[in-house]
């Protein structure tokens, strides 16, 4: 089971060997926590912009620009890495479309923790179902995550029909996260991490701008400056969050970094309550904390 929780550091983390019992320095803890906050922030930005399609298109534009420059500087990945690069980029495209759908359909403080919490839950359950020996503490972690996800689904004490599409999209997003993290884990050793990341972002980046162009046409260029700034800044923050986690991963304590990284689930619930004015704030924050605690147990 240990190798599977180690691939749950998000997104696209190819340096994923589990080093049991490795301690974290104060600097690595700070980097990881900051990355967790940044990840929640860029997702909150993507949800909070008035036109979410344009917001995701601008985030994708930032990916193309930064990934393109990095790809020019770093060069092509080796031939052996291309199946992983293409597979990861394709799964990231599906992930982005599902995440956009989730944010169109539901409130941030609910769907963000569900999407983030579903990924480690899916991988862990698959491991149990495949007959591998699973330590008791990790079984407890699966149960704790399940309780947290159910609590988020039963927001306000009931599962309403209106919430089903958003929750379904969020769960599908989490399944996609599990898929691309497994692909990224398999890419270890095929190419340097910066090269892998540059091409993965470059290849996935154009999709949302193209979708926005087809759907908005001329209206795409007539956006308020504030939305342009927010969308592009969201893309840069997303890339920064990814880079900081990569730096933290060089400590060797991959599982510990992965677990600490998921504190962003709680941050997301807080952002939805405080800045996006969503209901059921305390309940969602508590449920998100339960999910994060379960992920920590699964990663032990």
C-alpha atoms as a PDB file:
ATOM      1  CA  UNK A   1       0.000   0.000   0.000  1.00  0.00           C
ATOM      2  CA  UNK A   2       2.843   2.392   0.775  1.00  0.00           C
ATOM      3  CA  UNK A   3       3.747   3.093  -2.825  1.00  0.00           C
ATOM      4  CA  UNK A   4       0.216   4.146  -3.688  1.00  0.00           C
ATOM      5  CA  UNK A   5      -0.356   6.874  -1.090  1.00  0.00           C
ATOM      6  CA  UNK A   6       3.028   8.253  -2.106  1.00  0.00           C
ATOM      7  CA  UNK A   7       1.657   9.122  -5.547  1.00  0.00           C
ATOM      8  CA  UNK A   8      -0.983  11.376  -4.092  1.00  0.00           C
ATOM      9  CA  UNK A   9       1.107  14.535  -4.071  1.00  0.00           C
ATOM     10  CA  UNK A  10      -0.657  16.847  -6.517  1.00  0.00           C
ATOM     11  CA  UNK A  11      -0.506  17.676  -9.365  1.00  0.00           C
ATOM     12  CA  UNK A  12       1.804  15.696 -11.701  1.00  0.00           C
ATOM     13  CA  UNK A  13       4.508  14.832  -9.204  1.00  0.00           C
ATOM     14  CA  UNK A  14       7.001  12.454 -10.791  1.00  0.00           C
ATOM     15  CA  UNK A  15       9.354  12.301  -7.730  1.00  0.00           C
ATOM     16  CA  UNK A  16       7.271   9.928  -5.712  1.00  0.00           C
ATOM     17  CA  UNK A  17       9.339   7.303  -3.903  1.00  0.00           C
ATOM     18  CA  UNK A  18       8.089   6.795  -0.364  1.00  0.00           C
ATOM     19  CA  UNK A  19      10.671   7.345   2.318  1.00  0.00           C
ATOM     20  CA  UNK A  20       9.126   6.065   5.506  1.00  0.00           C
ATOM     21  CA  UNK A  21       9.784   7.961   8.668  1.00  0.00           C
ATOM     22  CA  UNK A  22      11.638  10.857   7.047  1.00  0.00           C
ATOM     23  CA  UNK A  23      11.383  14.031   9.082  1.00  0.00           C
ATOM     24  CA  UNK A  24      10.591  17.414   7.628  1.00  0.00           C
ATOM     25  CA  UNK A  25      12.657  20.502   8.275  1.00  0.00           C
ATOM     26  CA  UNK A  26      10.930  23.743   9.175  1.00  0.00           C
ATOM     27  CA  UNK A  27      11.738  25.069   5.708  1.00  0.00           C
ATOM     28  CA  UNK A  28      10.131  22.112   3.939  1.00  0.00           C
ATOM     29  CA  UNK A  29       7.063  22.344   6.174  1.00  0.00           C
ATOM     30  CA  UNK A  30       6.751  26.054   5.353  1.00  0.00           C
ATOM     31  CA  UNK A  31       7.131  25.443   1.611  1.00  0.00           C
ATOM     32  CA  UNK A  32       4.544  22.673   1.619  1.00  0.00           C
ATOM     33  CA  UNK A  33       2.015  24.635   3.635  1.00  0.00           C
ATOM     34  CA  UNK A  34       2.507  27.648   1.385  1.00  0.00           C
ATOM     35  CA  UNK A  35       2.002  25.438  -1.678  1.00  0.00           C
ATOM     36  CA  UNK A  36      -1.204  24.074  -0.115  1.00  0.00           C
ATOM     37  CA  UNK A  37      -2.509  27.600   0.408  1.00  0.00           C
ATOM     38  CA  UNK A  38      -1.571  28.619  -3.146  1.00  0.00           C
ATOM     39  CA  UNK A  39      -3.327  25.584  -4.610  1.00  0.00           C
ATOM     40  CA  UNK A  40      -6.517  26.395  -2.740  1.00  0.00           C
ATOM     41  CA  UNK A  41      -6.190  30.067  -3.742  1.00  0.00           C
ATOM     42  CA  UNK A  42      -5.887  29.444  -7.478  1.00  0.00           C
ATOM     43  CA  UNK A  43      -8.875  27.100  -7.336  1.00  0.00           C
ATOM     44  CA  UNK A  44     -10.834  29.744  -5.433  1.00  0.00           C
ATOM     45  CA  UNK A  45      -9.872  32.281  -8.115  1.00  0.00           C
ATOM     46  CA  UNK A  46     -11.034  29.881 -10.839  1.00  0.00           C
ATOM     47  CA  UNK A  47     -14.362  29.470  -9.049  1.00  0.00           C
ATOM     48  CA  UNK A  48     -14.745  33.112  -8.089  1.00  0.00           C
ATOM     49  CA  UNK A  49     -14.302  34.859 -11.448  1.00  0.00           C
ATOM     50  CA  UNK A  50     -17.669  35.913 -12.931  1.00  0.00           C
ATOM     51  CA  UNK A  51     -17.115  33.975 -16.176  1.00  0.00           C
ATOM     52  CA  UNK A  52     -15.462  30.708 -15.122  1.00  0.00           C
ATOM     53  CA  UNK A  53     -14.861  29.579 -18.697  1.00  0.00           C
ATOM     54  CA  UNK A  54     -12.815  32.701 -19.358  1.00  0.00           C
ATOM     55  CA  UNK A  55     -11.051  32.220 -16.020  1.00  0.00           C
ATOM     56  CA  UNK A  56      -9.990  28.678 -16.914  1.00  0.00           C
ATOM     57  CA  UNK A  57      -8.973  29.868 -20.398  1.00  0.00           C
ATOM     58  CA  UNK A  58      -6.683  32.487 -18.865  1.00  0.00           C
ATOM     59  CA  UNK A  59      -5.191  29.918 -16.491  1.00  0.00           C
ATOM     60  CA  UNK A  60      -4.528  27.689 -19.513  1.00  0.00           C
ATOM     61  CA  UNK A  61      -2.915  30.638 -21.313  1.00  0.00           C
ATOM     62  CA  UNK A  62      -0.492  31.047 -18.418  1.00  0.00           C
ATOM     63  CA  UNK A  63       0.326  27.337 -18.692  1.00  0.00           C
ATOM     64  CA  UNK A  64       1.085  27.706 -22.403  1.00  0.00           C
ATOM     65  CA  UNK A  65       3.315  30.743 -21.930  1.00  0.00           C
ATOM     66  CA  UNK A  66       5.304  29.431 -18.967  1.00  0.00           C
ATOM     67  CA  UNK A  67       5.385  25.840 -20.228  1.00  0.00           C
ATOM     68  CA  UNK A  68       6.384  26.992 -23.715  1.00  0.00           C
ATOM     69  CA  UNK A  69       9.275  29.096 -22.469  1.00  0.00           C
ATOM     70  CA  UNK A  70      10.461  26.268 -20.218  1.00  0.00           C
ATOM     71  CA  UNK A  71      10.167  23.741 -23.065  1.00  0.00           C
ATOM     72  CA  UNK A  72      12.261  25.964 -25.343  1.00  0.00           C
ATOM     73  CA  UNK A  73      14.957  26.291 -22.695  1.00  0.00           C
ATOM     74  CA  UNK A  74      14.959  22.662 -21.517  1.00  0.00           C
ATOM     75  CA  UNK A  75      14.393  20.856 -24.803  1.00  0.00           C
ATOM     76  CA  UNK A  76      12.462  17.692 -25.646  1.00  0.00           C
ATOM     77  CA  UNK A  77      11.847  14.799 -23.267  1.00  0.00           C
ATOM     78  CA  UNK A  78      13.490  11.477 -24.171  1.00  0.00           C
ATOM     79  CA  UNK A  79      11.480   9.105 -26.355  1.00  0.00           C
ATOM     80  CA  UNK A  80      10.705   6.811 -23.401  1.00  0.00           C
ATOM     81  CA  UNK A  81       8.980   9.665 -21.567  1.00  0.00           C
ATOM     82  CA  UNK A  82       6.530  10.659 -24.302  1.00  0.00           C
ATOM     83  CA  UNK A  83       3.811   8.085 -23.488  1.00  0.00           C
ATOM     84  CA  UNK A  84       3.761   9.379 -19.907  1.00  0.00           C
ATOM     85  CA  UNK A  85       3.843  13.046 -20.947  1.00  0.00           C
ATOM     86  CA  UNK A  86       0.986  12.549 -23.413  1.00  0.00           C
ATOM     87  CA  UNK A  87      -0.994  10.368 -21.016  1.00  0.00           C
ATOM     88  CA  UNK A  88      -0.622  12.836 -18.152  1.00  0.00           C
ATOM     89  CA  UNK A  89      -1.446  15.820 -20.349  1.00  0.00           C
ATOM     90  CA  UNK A  90      -4.565  14.051 -21.660  1.00  0.00           C
ATOM     91  CA  UNK A  91      -5.757  13.179 -18.162  1.00  0.00           C
ATOM     92  CA  UNK A  92      -5.074  16.754 -17.045  1.00  0.00           C
ATOM     93  CA  UNK A  93      -7.270  18.023 -19.877  1.00  0.00           C
ATOM     94  CA  UNK A  94     -10.139  15.795 -18.702  1.00  0.00           C
ATOM     95  CA  UNK A  95      -9.433  16.874 -15.106  1.00  0.00           C
ATOM     96  CA  UNK A  96      -9.627  20.548 -16.075  1.00  0.00           C
ATOM     97  CA  UNK A  97     -12.905  20.099 -17.935  1.00  0.00           C
ATOM     98  CA  UNK A  98     -14.389  18.216 -14.980  1.00  0.00           C
ATOM     99  CA  UNK A  99     -13.105  20.807 -12.510  1.00  0.00           C
ATOM    100  CA  UNK A 100     -14.663  23.575 -14.598  1.00  0.00           C
ATOM    101  CA  UNK A 101     -17.948  21.648 -14.640  1.00  0.00           C
ATOM    102  CA  UNK A 102     -17.745  21.169 -10.859  1.00  0.00           C
ATOM    103  CA  UNK A 103     -17.289  24.893 -10.294  1.00  0.00           C
ATOM    104  CA  UNK A 104     -20.100  25.710 -12.693  1.00  0.00           C
ATOM    105  CA  UNK A 105     -22.472  23.415 -10.827  1.00  0.00           C
ATOM    106  CA  UNK A 106     -21.551  23.666  -7.159  1.00  0.00           C
ATOM    107  CA  UNK A 107     -20.132  25.776  -4.359  1.00  0.00           C
ATOM    108  CA  UNK A 108     -16.377  25.885  -3.941  1.00  0.00           C
ATOM    109  CA  UNK A 109     -16.336  24.962  -0.248  1.00  0.00           C
ATOM    110  CA  UNK A 110     -18.114  21.710  -1.052  1.00  0.00           C
ATOM    111  CA  UNK A 111     -16.797  20.504  -4.402  1.00  0.00           C
ATOM    112  CA  UNK A 112     -13.113  21.374  -3.862  1.00  0.00           C
ATOM    113  CA  UNK A 113     -12.688  19.150  -0.763  1.00  0.00           C
ATOM    114  CA  UNK A 114     -14.711  16.366  -2.418  1.00  0.00           C
ATOM    115  CA  UNK A 115     -12.515  16.434  -5.531  1.00  0.00           C
ATOM    116  CA  UNK A 116      -9.286  16.546  -3.525  1.00  0.00           C
ATOM    117  CA  UNK A 117     -10.396  13.891  -1.053  1.00  0.00           C
ATOM    118  CA  UNK A 118     -11.731  11.450  -3.634  1.00  0.00           C
ATOM    119  CA  UNK A 119      -8.337  10.876  -5.291  1.00  0.00           C
ATOM    120  CA  UNK A 120      -6.494   9.255  -2.332  1.00  0.00           C
ATOM    121  CA  UNK A 121      -9.677   7.432  -1.353  1.00  0.00           C
ATOM    122  CA  UNK A 122      -9.988   5.867  -4.823  1.00  0.00           C
ATOM    123  CA  UNK A 123      -6.344   4.768  -4.934  1.00  0.00           C
ATOM    124  CA  UNK A 124      -6.482   3.337  -1.425  1.00  0.00           C
ATOM    125  CA  UNK A 125      -9.742   1.464  -2.061  1.00  0.00           C
ATOM    126  CA  UNK A 126      -8.338   0.007  -5.297  1.00  0.00           C
ATOM    127  CA  UNK A 127      -5.343  -1.212  -3.322  1.00  0.00           C
ATOM    128  CA  UNK A 128      -7.611  -2.889  -0.763  1.00  0.00           C
ATOM    129  CA  UNK A 129      -9.790  -4.442  -3.476  1.00  0.00           C
ATOM    130  CA  UNK A 130      -6.745  -5.858  -5.260  1.00  0.00           C
ATOM    131  CA  UNK A 131      -5.953  -7.997  -2.230  1.00  0.00           C
ATOM    132  CA  UNK A 132      -2.814  -6.300  -0.951  1.00  0.00           C
ATOM    133  CA  UNK A 133      -2.089  -6.375   2.757  1.00  0.00           C
ATOM    134  CA  UNK A 134      -3.138  -3.025   4.179  1.00  0.00           C
ATOM    135  CA  UNK A 135      -2.037  -1.804   7.621  1.00  0.00           C
ATOM    136  CA  UNK A 136      -4.828  -1.113  10.089  1.00  0.00           C
ATOM    137  CA  UNK A 137      -3.953   2.590  10.333  1.00  0.00           C
ATOM    138  CA  UNK A 138      -4.478   2.986   6.585  1.00  0.00           C
ATOM    139  CA  UNK A 139      -7.804   1.147   6.739  1.00  0.00           C
ATOM    140  CA  UNK A 140      -8.803   3.618   9.435  1.00  0.00           C
ATOM    141  CA  UNK A 141      -7.682   6.420   7.131  1.00  0.00           C
ATOM    142  CA  UNK A 142      -9.933   5.124   4.340  1.00  0.00           C
ATOM    143  CA  UNK A 143     -12.855   5.036   6.764  1.00  0.00           C
ATOM    144  CA  UNK A 144     -12.110   8.562   8.008  1.00  0.00           C
ATOM    145  CA  UNK A 145     -11.913   9.943   4.474  1.00  0.00           C
ATOM    146  CA  UNK A 146     -15.208   8.212   3.683  1.00  0.00           C
ATOM    147  CA  UNK A 147     -16.883   9.836   6.680  1.00  0.00           C
ATOM    148  CA  UNK A 148     -15.550  13.258   5.657  1.00  0.00           C
ATOM    149  CA  UNK A 149     -16.704  12.878   2.052  1.00  0.00           C
ATOM    150  CA  UNK A 150     -20.157  11.722   3.144  1.00  0.00           C
ATOM    151  CA  UNK A 151     -20.366  14.719   5.490  1.00  0.00           C
ATOM    152  CA  UNK A 152     -19.525  17.044   2.614  1.00  0.00           C
ATOM    153  CA  UNK A 153     -22.104  15.345   0.397  1.00  0.00           C
ATOM    154  CA  UNK A 154     -24.726  15.654   3.150  1.00  0.00           C
ATOM    155  CA  UNK A 155     -24.115  19.385   3.384  1.00  0.00           C
ATOM    156  CA  UNK A 156     -26.769  20.858   5.628  1.00  0.00           C
ATOM    157  CA  UNK A 157     -27.944  17.409   6.734  1.00  0.00           C
ATOM    158  CA  UNK A 158     -29.354  16.108   3.472  1.00  0.00           C
ATOM    159  CA  UNK A 159     -28.290  15.066  -0.017  1.00  0.00           C
ATOM    160  CA  UNK A 160     -30.397  17.197  -2.311  1.00  0.00           C
ATOM    161  CA  UNK A 161     -31.088  16.306  -5.914  1.00  0.00           C
ATOM    162  CA  UNK A 162     -29.835  19.732  -6.952  1.00  0.00           C
ATOM    163  CA  UNK A 163     -26.393  18.985  -5.494  1.00  0.00           C
ATOM    164  CA  UNK A 164     -25.957  15.655  -7.298  1.00  0.00           C
ATOM    165  CA  UNK A 165     -24.524  16.982 -10.592  1.00  0.00           C
ATOM    166  CA  UNK A 166     -21.894  19.057  -8.776  1.00  0.00           C
ATOM    167  CA  UNK A 167     -20.918  16.195  -6.476  1.00  0.00           C
ATOM    168  CA  UNK A 168     -20.797  13.773  -9.403  1.00  0.00           C
ATOM    169  CA  UNK A 169     -18.483  16.096 -11.322  1.00  0.00           C
ATOM    170  CA  UNK A 170     -16.312  16.572  -8.211  1.00  0.00           C
ATOM    171  CA  UNK A 171     -15.989  12.816  -7.650  1.00  0.00           C
ATOM    172  CA  UNK A 172     -15.119  12.322 -11.332  1.00  0.00           C
ATOM    173  CA  UNK A 173     -12.508  15.055 -10.950  1.00  0.00           C
ATOM    174  CA  UNK A 174     -10.999  13.160  -8.021  1.00  0.00           C
ATOM    175  CA  UNK A 175     -10.895   9.928 -10.016  1.00  0.00           C
ATOM    176  CA  UNK A 176      -9.057  11.800 -12.754  1.00  0.00           C
ATOM    177  CA  UNK A 177      -6.556  13.159 -10.217  1.00  0.00           C
ATOM    178  CA  UNK A 178      -5.905   9.592  -9.061  1.00  0.00           C
ATOM    179  CA  UNK A 179      -5.350   8.578 -12.686  1.00  0.00           C
ATOM    180  CA  UNK A 180      -2.827  11.237 -13.608  1.00  0.00           C
ATOM    181  CA  UNK A 181      -0.876  10.897 -10.365  1.00  0.00           C
ATOM    182  CA  UNK A 182      -0.434   7.174 -11.040  1.00  0.00           C
ATOM    183  CA  UNK A 183       0.755   7.973 -14.582  1.00  0.00           C
ATOM    184  CA  UNK A 184       3.160  10.577 -13.216  1.00  0.00           C
ATOM    185  CA  UNK A 185       4.505   8.092 -10.679  1.00  0.00           C
ATOM    186  CA  UNK A 186       5.201   5.645 -13.501  1.00  0.00           C
ATOM    187  CA  UNK A 187       7.181   8.355 -15.305  1.00  0.00           C
ATOM    188  CA  UNK A 188       9.877   8.363 -12.606  1.00  0.00           C
ATOM    189  CA  UNK A 189      13.301   7.914 -14.135  1.00  0.00           C
ATOM    190  CA  UNK A 190      12.237   8.535 -17.732  1.00  0.00           C
ATOM    191  CA  UNK A 191      13.020  12.259 -17.793  1.00  0.00           C
ATOM    192  CA  UNK A 192      14.058  15.133 -15.504  1.00  0.00           C
ATOM    193  CA  UNK A 193      11.119  16.576 -13.575  1.00  0.00           C
ATOM    194  CA  UNK A 194      11.363  20.127 -15.036  1.00  0.00           C
ATOM    195  CA  UNK A 195      11.289  18.796 -18.615  1.00  0.00           C
ATOM    196  CA  UNK A 196       8.355  16.519 -17.842  1.00  0.00           C
ATOM    197  CA  UNK A 197       6.428  19.314 -16.154  1.00  0.00           C
ATOM    198  CA  UNK A 198       7.137  21.877 -18.885  1.00  0.00           C
ATOM    199  CA  UNK A 199       5.774  19.682 -21.662  1.00  0.00           C
ATOM    200  CA  UNK A 200       2.848  18.442 -19.622  1.00  0.00           C
ATOM    201  CA  UNK A 201       1.698  22.013 -18.937  1.00  0.00           C
ATOM    202  CA  UNK A 202       2.419  23.160 -22.489  1.00  0.00           C
ATOM    203  CA  UNK A 203       0.344  20.352 -24.007  1.00  0.00           C
ATOM    204  CA  UNK A 204      -2.640  20.678 -21.672  1.00  0.00           C
ATOM    205  CA  UNK A 205      -2.690  24.480 -21.640  1.00  0.00           C
ATOM    206  CA  UNK A 206      -4.316  25.285 -25.017  1.00  0.00           C
ATOM    207  CA  UNK A 207      -7.513  23.288 -24.481  1.00  0.00           C
ATOM    208  CA  UNK A 208      -9.500  25.716 -22.323  1.00  0.00           C
ATOM    209  CA  UNK A 209      -8.507  28.791 -24.390  1.00  0.00           C
ATOM    210  CA  UNK A 210      -9.745  26.970 -27.516  1.00  0.00           C
ATOM    211  CA  UNK A 211     -13.012  25.966 -25.801  1.00  0.00           C
ATOM    212  CA  UNK A 212     -13.502  29.560 -24.650  1.00  0.00           C
ATOM    213  CA  UNK A 213     -12.756  30.911 -28.117  1.00  0.00           C
ATOM    214  CA  UNK A 214     -15.314  28.587 -29.711  1.00  0.00           C
ATOM    215  CA  UNK A 215     -18.005  29.409 -27.141  1.00  0.00           C
ATOM    216  CA  UNK A 216     -17.376  33.125 -26.599  1.00  0.00           C
ATOM    217  CA  UNK A 217     -15.965  34.115 -30.024  1.00  0.00           C
ATOM    218  CA  UNK A 218     -15.463  37.889 -30.195  1.00  0.00           C
ATOM    219  CA  UNK A 219     -16.743  38.317 -26.683  1.00  0.00           C
ATOM    220  CA  UNK A 220     -13.615  36.611 -25.406  1.00  0.00           C
ATOM    221  CA  UNK A 221     -11.485  39.694 -26.028  1.00  0.00           C
ATOM    222  CA  UNK A 222     -13.984  42.082 -24.432  1.00  0.00           C
ATOM    223  CA  UNK A 223     -13.390  41.055 -20.847  1.00  0.00           C
ATOM    224  CA  UNK A 224     -12.871  43.415 -17.903  1.00  0.00           C
ATOM    225  CA  UNK A 225      -9.236  44.014 -17.033  1.00  0.00           C
ATOM    226  CA  UNK A 226      -9.873  42.707 -13.529  1.00  0.00           C
ATOM    227  CA  UNK A 227     -10.919  39.319 -14.921  1.00  0.00           C
ATOM    228  CA  UNK A 228      -7.865  39.164 -17.173  1.00  0.00           C
ATOM    229  CA  UNK A 229      -5.584  39.903 -14.236  1.00  0.00           C
ATOM    230  CA  UNK A 230      -7.359  37.406 -11.964  1.00  0.00           C
ATOM    231  CA  UNK A 231      -7.277  34.586 -14.544  1.00  0.00           C
ATOM    232  CA  UNK A 232      -3.638  35.019 -15.524  1.00  0.00           C
ATOM    233  CA  UNK A 233      -2.638  35.432 -11.889  1.00  0.00           C
ATOM    234  CA  UNK A 234      -4.515  32.218 -11.083  1.00  0.00           C
ATOM    235  CA  UNK A 235      -2.450  30.376 -13.684  1.00  0.00           C
ATOM    236  CA  UNK A 236       0.812  31.749 -12.320  1.00  0.00           C
ATOM    237  CA  UNK A 237      -0.207  30.873  -8.754  1.00  0.00           C
ATOM    238  CA  UNK A 238      -1.070  27.339  -9.905  1.00  0.00           C
ATOM    239  CA  UNK A 239       2.371  26.920 -11.451  1.00  0.00           C
ATOM    240  CA  UNK A 240       4.013  28.367  -8.331  1.00  0.00           C
ATOM    241  CA  UNK A 241       2.142  25.902  -6.117  1.00  0.00           C
ATOM    242  CA  UNK A 242       3.298  23.038  -8.313  1.00  0.00           C
ATOM    243  CA  UNK A 243       6.906  24.237  -8.258  1.00  0.00           C
ATOM    244  CA  UNK A 244       6.981  24.636  -4.482  1.00  0.00           C
ATOM    245  CA  UNK A 245       5.730  21.094  -3.961  1.00  0.00           C
ATOM    246  CA  UNK A 246       8.444  19.833  -6.312  1.00  0.00           C
ATOM    247  CA  UNK A 247      11.048  21.651  -4.226  1.00  0.00           C
ATOM    248  CA  UNK A 248       9.598  20.185  -1.032  1.00  0.00           C
ATOM    249  CA  UNK A 249       9.723  16.716  -2.577  1.00  0.00           C
ATOM    250  CA  UNK A 250      13.514  16.961  -2.865  1.00  0.00           C
ATOM    251  CA  UNK A 251      13.652  16.503   0.925  1.00  0.00           C
ATOM    252  CA  UNK A 252      12.981  12.816   0.335  1.00  0.00           C
ATOM    253  CA  UNK A 253      10.033  12.750   2.760  1.00  0.00           C
ATOM    254  CA  UNK A 254       7.542  12.282  -0.050  1.00  0.00           C
ATOM    255  CA  UNK A 255       4.699  10.756   1.950  1.00  0.00           C
ATOM    256  CA  UNK A 256       4.955  13.382   4.675  1.00  0.00           C
ATOM    257  CA  UNK A 257       4.937  16.181   2.090  1.00  0.00           C
ATOM    258  CA  UNK A 258       1.953  14.566   0.332  1.00  0.00           C
ATOM    259  CA  UNK A 259      -0.008  14.400   3.565  1.00  0.00           C
ATOM    260  CA  UNK A 260       0.888  17.931   4.634  1.00  0.00           C
ATOM    261  CA  UNK A 261      -0.027  19.153   1.163  1.00  0.00           C
ATOM    262  CA  UNK A 262      -3.633  18.121   1.683  1.00  0.00           C
ATOM    263  CA  UNK A 263      -4.129  20.772   4.349  1.00  0.00           C
ATOM    264  CA  UNK A 264      -5.186  22.774   1.301  1.00  0.00           C
ATOM    265  CA  UNK A 265      -8.539  20.971   1.564  1.00  0.00           C
ATOM    266  CA  UNK A 266      -9.227  22.821   4.808  1.00  0.00           C
ATOM    267  CA  UNK A 267      -7.935  26.091   3.345  1.00  0.00           C
ATOM    268  CA  UNK A 268     -10.344  25.666   0.428  1.00  0.00           C
ATOM    269  CA  UNK A 269     -13.306  25.227   2.759  1.00  0.00           C
ATOM    270  CA  UNK A 270     -12.279  28.349   4.680  1.00  0.00           C
ATOM    271  CA  UNK A 271     -11.886  30.387   1.476  1.00  0.00           C
ATOM    272  CA  UNK A 272     -15.346  29.320   0.336  1.00  0.00           C
ATOM    273  CA  UNK A 273     -16.818  30.494   3.621  1.00  0.00           C
ATOM    274  CA  UNK A 274     -14.886  33.713   4.212  1.00  0.00           C
ATOM    275  CA  UNK A 275     -14.317  35.096   0.708  1.00  0.00           C
ATOM    276  CA  UNK A 276     -16.999  33.490  -1.442  1.00  0.00           C
ATOM    277  CA  UNK A 277     -19.830  33.878   1.087  1.00  0.00           C
ATOM    278  CA  UNK A 278     -20.941  30.244   0.935  1.00  0.00           C
ATOM    279  CA  UNK A 279     -23.278  28.604   3.467  1.00  0.00           C
ATOM    280  CA  UNK A 280     -22.608  25.859   6.002  1.00  0.00           C
ATOM    281  CA  UNK A 281     -19.128  27.266   6.656  1.00  0.00           C
ATOM    282  CA  UNK A 282     -18.288  25.604   9.976  1.00  0.00           C
ATOM    283  CA  UNK A 283     -19.738  22.257   8.918  1.00  0.00           C
ATOM    284  CA  UNK A 284     -17.790  22.229   5.663  1.00  0.00           C
ATOM    285  CA  UNK A 285     -14.564  23.262   7.342  1.00  0.00           C
ATOM    286  CA  UNK A 286     -14.966  20.469   9.907  1.00  0.00           C
ATOM    287  CA  UNK A 287     -15.760  17.885   7.205  1.00  0.00           C
ATOM    288  CA  UNK A 288     -12.777  19.040   5.138  1.00  0.00           C
ATOM    289  CA  UNK A 289     -10.550  18.674   8.213  1.00  0.00           C
ATOM    290  CA  UNK A 290     -11.809  15.090   8.638  1.00  0.00           C
ATOM    291  CA  UNK A 291     -10.919  14.315   5.003  1.00  0.00           C
ATOM    292  CA  UNK A 292      -7.441  15.807   5.452  1.00  0.00           C
ATOM    293  CA  UNK A 293      -6.917  13.778   8.639  1.00  0.00           C
ATOM    294  CA  UNK A 294      -7.889  10.611   6.820  1.00  0.00           C
ATOM    295  CA  UNK A 295      -5.406  11.336   4.035  1.00  0.00           C
ATOM    296  CA  UNK A 296      -2.655  11.757   6.628  1.00  0.00           C
ATOM    297  CA  UNK A 297      -3.501   8.321   8.050  1.00  0.00           C
ATOM    298  CA  UNK A 298      -3.494   6.740   4.579  1.00  0.00           C
ATOM    299  CA  UNK A 299      -0.075   8.308   3.893  1.00  0.00           C
ATOM    300  CA  UNK A 300       1.544   6.990   7.100  1.00  0.00           C
END
